[in-house]
Each structure stands twice: as structure tokens, then as C-alpha cells.
Amino acid sequence: MDRKHLANAIRALSMDGVQQANSGHPGAPMGMADIAEVLWRSHLNHNPSNPEC
């Protein structure tokens, strides 16, 4: 999945979450989806068998 598709998936999930909660404002999560994508791909790497990574 390329970066644009992942950011769009984050946007869609954000909209769904706000709608399901019947509360909130989707502006921030939709606007920050690209930042979340970069964090997820580049910095939030976790390997349970090697916690030092």
C-alpha cells in the first residue's frame, strides 16, 4: 500500500470513528492523516521479539 492510500485509509477510519461515537470533530484526524502515516511507517516500528528496535 502506498503512502497516499494509507493516509486515505486513516481518514476513512477517522470519519467512521467519529460517526460511530456520535460525537467529535473529524477535522484534526483528517488533516493529520499524512503525519500519522509517516509516524506509522517510519517511527512506530515494534518487534516483540526484539524490543530494542
N, C-alpha and C. Protein backbone atom coordinates (compact mmCIF):
# COMPACT_ATOMS: atom_id res chain seq x y z
N MET A 1 0.85 -1.17 0.00
CA MET A 1 0.00 0.00 0.00
C MET A 1 0.90 1.24 0.00
N ASP A 2 0.65 2.16 -0.91
CA ASP A 2 1.49 3.35 -0.96
C ASP A 2 1.03 4.38 0.08
N ARG A 3 1.82 5.42 0.22
CA ARG A 3 1.59 6.43 1.27
C ARG A 3 0.22 7.10 1.15
N LYS A 4 -0.18 7.42 -0.06
CA LYS A 4 -1.45 8.13 -0.27
C LYS A 4 -2.63 7.24 0.13
N HIS A 5 -2.56 5.96 -0.24
CA HIS A 5 -3.65 5.04 0.10
C HIS A 5 -3.75 4.83 1.61
N LEU A 6 -2.60 4.73 2.28
CA LEU A 6 -2.61 4.55 3.72
C LEU A 6 -3.18 5.79 4.42
N ALA A 7 -2.78 6.97 3.98
CA ALA A 7 -3.32 8.20 4.57
C ALA A 7 -4.83 8.29 4.34
N ASN A 8 -5.29 7.90 3.18
CA ASN A 8 -6.72 7.91 2.91
C ASN A 8 -7.46 6.88 3.76
N ALA A 9 -6.84 5.75 4.02
CA ALA A 9 -7.45 4.75 4.90
C ALA A 9 -7.58 5.29 6.32
N ILE A 10 -6.57 6.01 6.77
CA ILE A 10 -6.62 6.64 8.10
C ILE A 10 -7.77 7.65 8.14
N ARG A 11 -7.91 8.43 7.08
CA ARG A 11 -9.01 9.39 7.01
C ARG A 11 -10.37 8.69 7.10
N ALA A 12 -10.53 7.63 6.34
CA ALA A 12 -11.80 6.91 6.33
C ALA A 12 -12.10 6.31 7.71
N LEU A 13 -11.10 5.72 8.35
CA LEU A 13 -11.30 5.16 9.68
C LEU A 13 -11.63 6.25 10.70
N SER A 14 -11.02 7.42 10.54
CA SER A 14 -11.31 8.54 11.43
C SER A 14 -12.75 8.99 11.30
N MET A 15 -13.20 9.10 10.06
CA MET A 15 -14.59 9.50 9.84
C MET A 15 -15.54 8.48 10.44
N ASP A 16 -15.25 7.21 10.24
CA ASP A 16 -16.10 6.15 10.80
C ASP A 16 -16.14 6.22 12.32
N GLY A 17 -14.98 6.44 12.93
CA GLY A 17 -14.92 6.50 14.39
C GLY A 17 -15.72 7.66 14.96
N VAL A 18 -15.61 8.82 14.34
CA VAL A 18 -16.37 9.99 14.80
C VAL A 18 -17.86 9.74 14.64
N GLN A 19 -18.24 9.17 13.51
CA GLN A 19 -19.65 8.91 13.27
C GLN A 19 -20.20 7.85 14.24
N GLN A 20 -19.44 6.80 14.48
CA GLN A 20 -19.89 5.75 15.41
C GLN A 20 -20.03 6.28 16.83
N ALA A 21 -19.14 7.20 17.21
CA ALA A 21 -19.19 7.76 18.56
C ALA A 21 -20.32 8.77 18.71
N ASN A 22 -20.83 9.23 17.59
CA ASN A 22 -21.89 10.25 17.59
C ASN A 22 -21.41 11.51 18.30
N SER A 23 -20.10 11.75 18.23
CA SER A 23 -19.51 12.88 18.92
C SER A 23 -18.15 13.16 18.30
N GLY A 24 -17.67 14.37 18.45
CA GLY A 24 -16.34 14.70 17.98
C GLY A 24 -16.36 15.47 16.69
N HIS A 25 -15.16 15.80 16.24
CA HIS A 25 -14.99 16.59 15.03
C HIS A 25 -13.90 15.92 14.20
N PRO A 26 -14.19 15.54 12.97
CA PRO A 26 -13.21 14.80 12.17
C PRO A 26 -12.11 15.65 11.56
N GLY A 27 -12.14 16.95 11.76
CA GLY A 27 -11.17 17.84 11.11
C GLY A 27 -9.72 17.52 11.42
N ALA A 28 -9.39 17.39 12.70
CA ALA A 28 -8.00 17.14 13.08
C ALA A 28 -7.49 15.80 12.58
N PRO A 29 -8.21 14.69 12.81
CA PRO A 29 -7.67 13.42 12.31
C PRO A 29 -7.56 13.37 10.79
N MET A 30 -8.49 14.02 10.11
CA MET A 30 -8.41 14.01 8.65
C MET A 30 -7.25 14.87 8.16
N GLY A 31 -7.04 16.00 8.84
CA GLY A 31 -5.94 16.89 8.46
C GLY A 31 -4.58 16.33 8.80
N MET A 32 -4.52 15.50 9.82
CA MET A 32 -3.23 14.97 10.27
C MET A 32 -2.98 13.55 9.81
N ALA A 33 -3.77 13.06 8.89
CA ALA A 33 -3.61 11.68 8.41
C ALA A 33 -2.25 11.46 7.77
N ASP A 34 -1.74 12.45 7.05
CA ASP A 34 -0.43 12.29 6.42
C ASP A 34 0.68 12.20 7.47
N ILE A 35 0.55 12.98 8.54
CA ILE A 35 1.53 12.91 9.63
C ILE A 35 1.46 11.54 10.31
N ALA A 36 0.25 11.06 10.55
CA ALA A 36 0.09 9.74 11.17
C ALA A 36 0.69 8.65 10.30
N GLU A 37 0.54 8.78 8.99
CA GLU A 37 1.11 7.79 8.06
C GLU A 37 2.62 7.76 8.16
N VAL A 38 3.25 8.92 8.20
CA VAL A 38 4.72 8.98 8.30
C VAL A 38 5.17 8.40 9.64
N LEU A 39 4.49 8.75 10.72
CA LEU A 39 4.85 8.19 12.02
C LEU A 39 4.73 6.67 12.02
N TRP A 40 3.63 6.17 11.46
CA TRP A 40 3.38 4.73 11.44
C TRP A 40 4.45 3.99 10.64
N ARG A 41 4.77 4.49 9.46
CA ARG A 41 5.73 3.81 8.59
C ARG A 41 7.17 3.95 9.05
N SER A 42 7.52 5.13 9.57
CA SER A 42 8.93 5.42 9.80
C SER A 42 9.38 5.33 11.26
N HIS A 43 8.47 5.54 12.20
CA HIS A 43 8.92 5.67 13.58
C HIS A 43 8.27 4.71 14.56
N LEU A 44 7.08 4.24 14.29
CA LEU A 44 6.37 3.38 15.24
C LEU A 44 6.56 1.91 14.92
N ASN A 45 7.81 1.53 14.73
CA ASN A 45 8.14 0.14 14.44
C ASN A 45 8.36 -0.60 15.76
N HIS A 46 7.72 -1.74 15.89
CA HIS A 46 7.89 -2.53 17.11
C HIS A 46 7.99 -4.00 16.75
N ASN A 47 8.99 -4.63 17.27
CA ASN A 47 9.19 -6.05 17.06
C ASN A 47 9.23 -6.72 18.44
N PRO A 48 8.17 -7.43 18.83
CA PRO A 48 8.13 -8.02 20.17
C PRO A 48 9.31 -8.94 20.48
N SER A 49 9.85 -9.60 19.47
CA SER A 49 10.98 -10.49 19.72
C SER A 49 12.29 -9.73 19.87
N ASN A 50 12.31 -8.45 19.49
CA ASN A 50 13.49 -7.61 19.63
C ASN A 50 13.05 -6.24 20.12
N PRO A 51 12.80 -6.07 21.42
CA PRO A 51 12.25 -4.82 21.93
C PRO A 51 13.19 -3.62 21.79
N GLU A 52 14.45 -3.85 21.47
CA GLU A 52 15.39 -2.74 21.30
C GLU A 52 15.16 -1.98 19.99
N CYS A 53 14.44 -2.57 19.05
CA CYS A 53 14.22 -1.91 17.75
C CYS A 53 13.21 -0.81 17.87
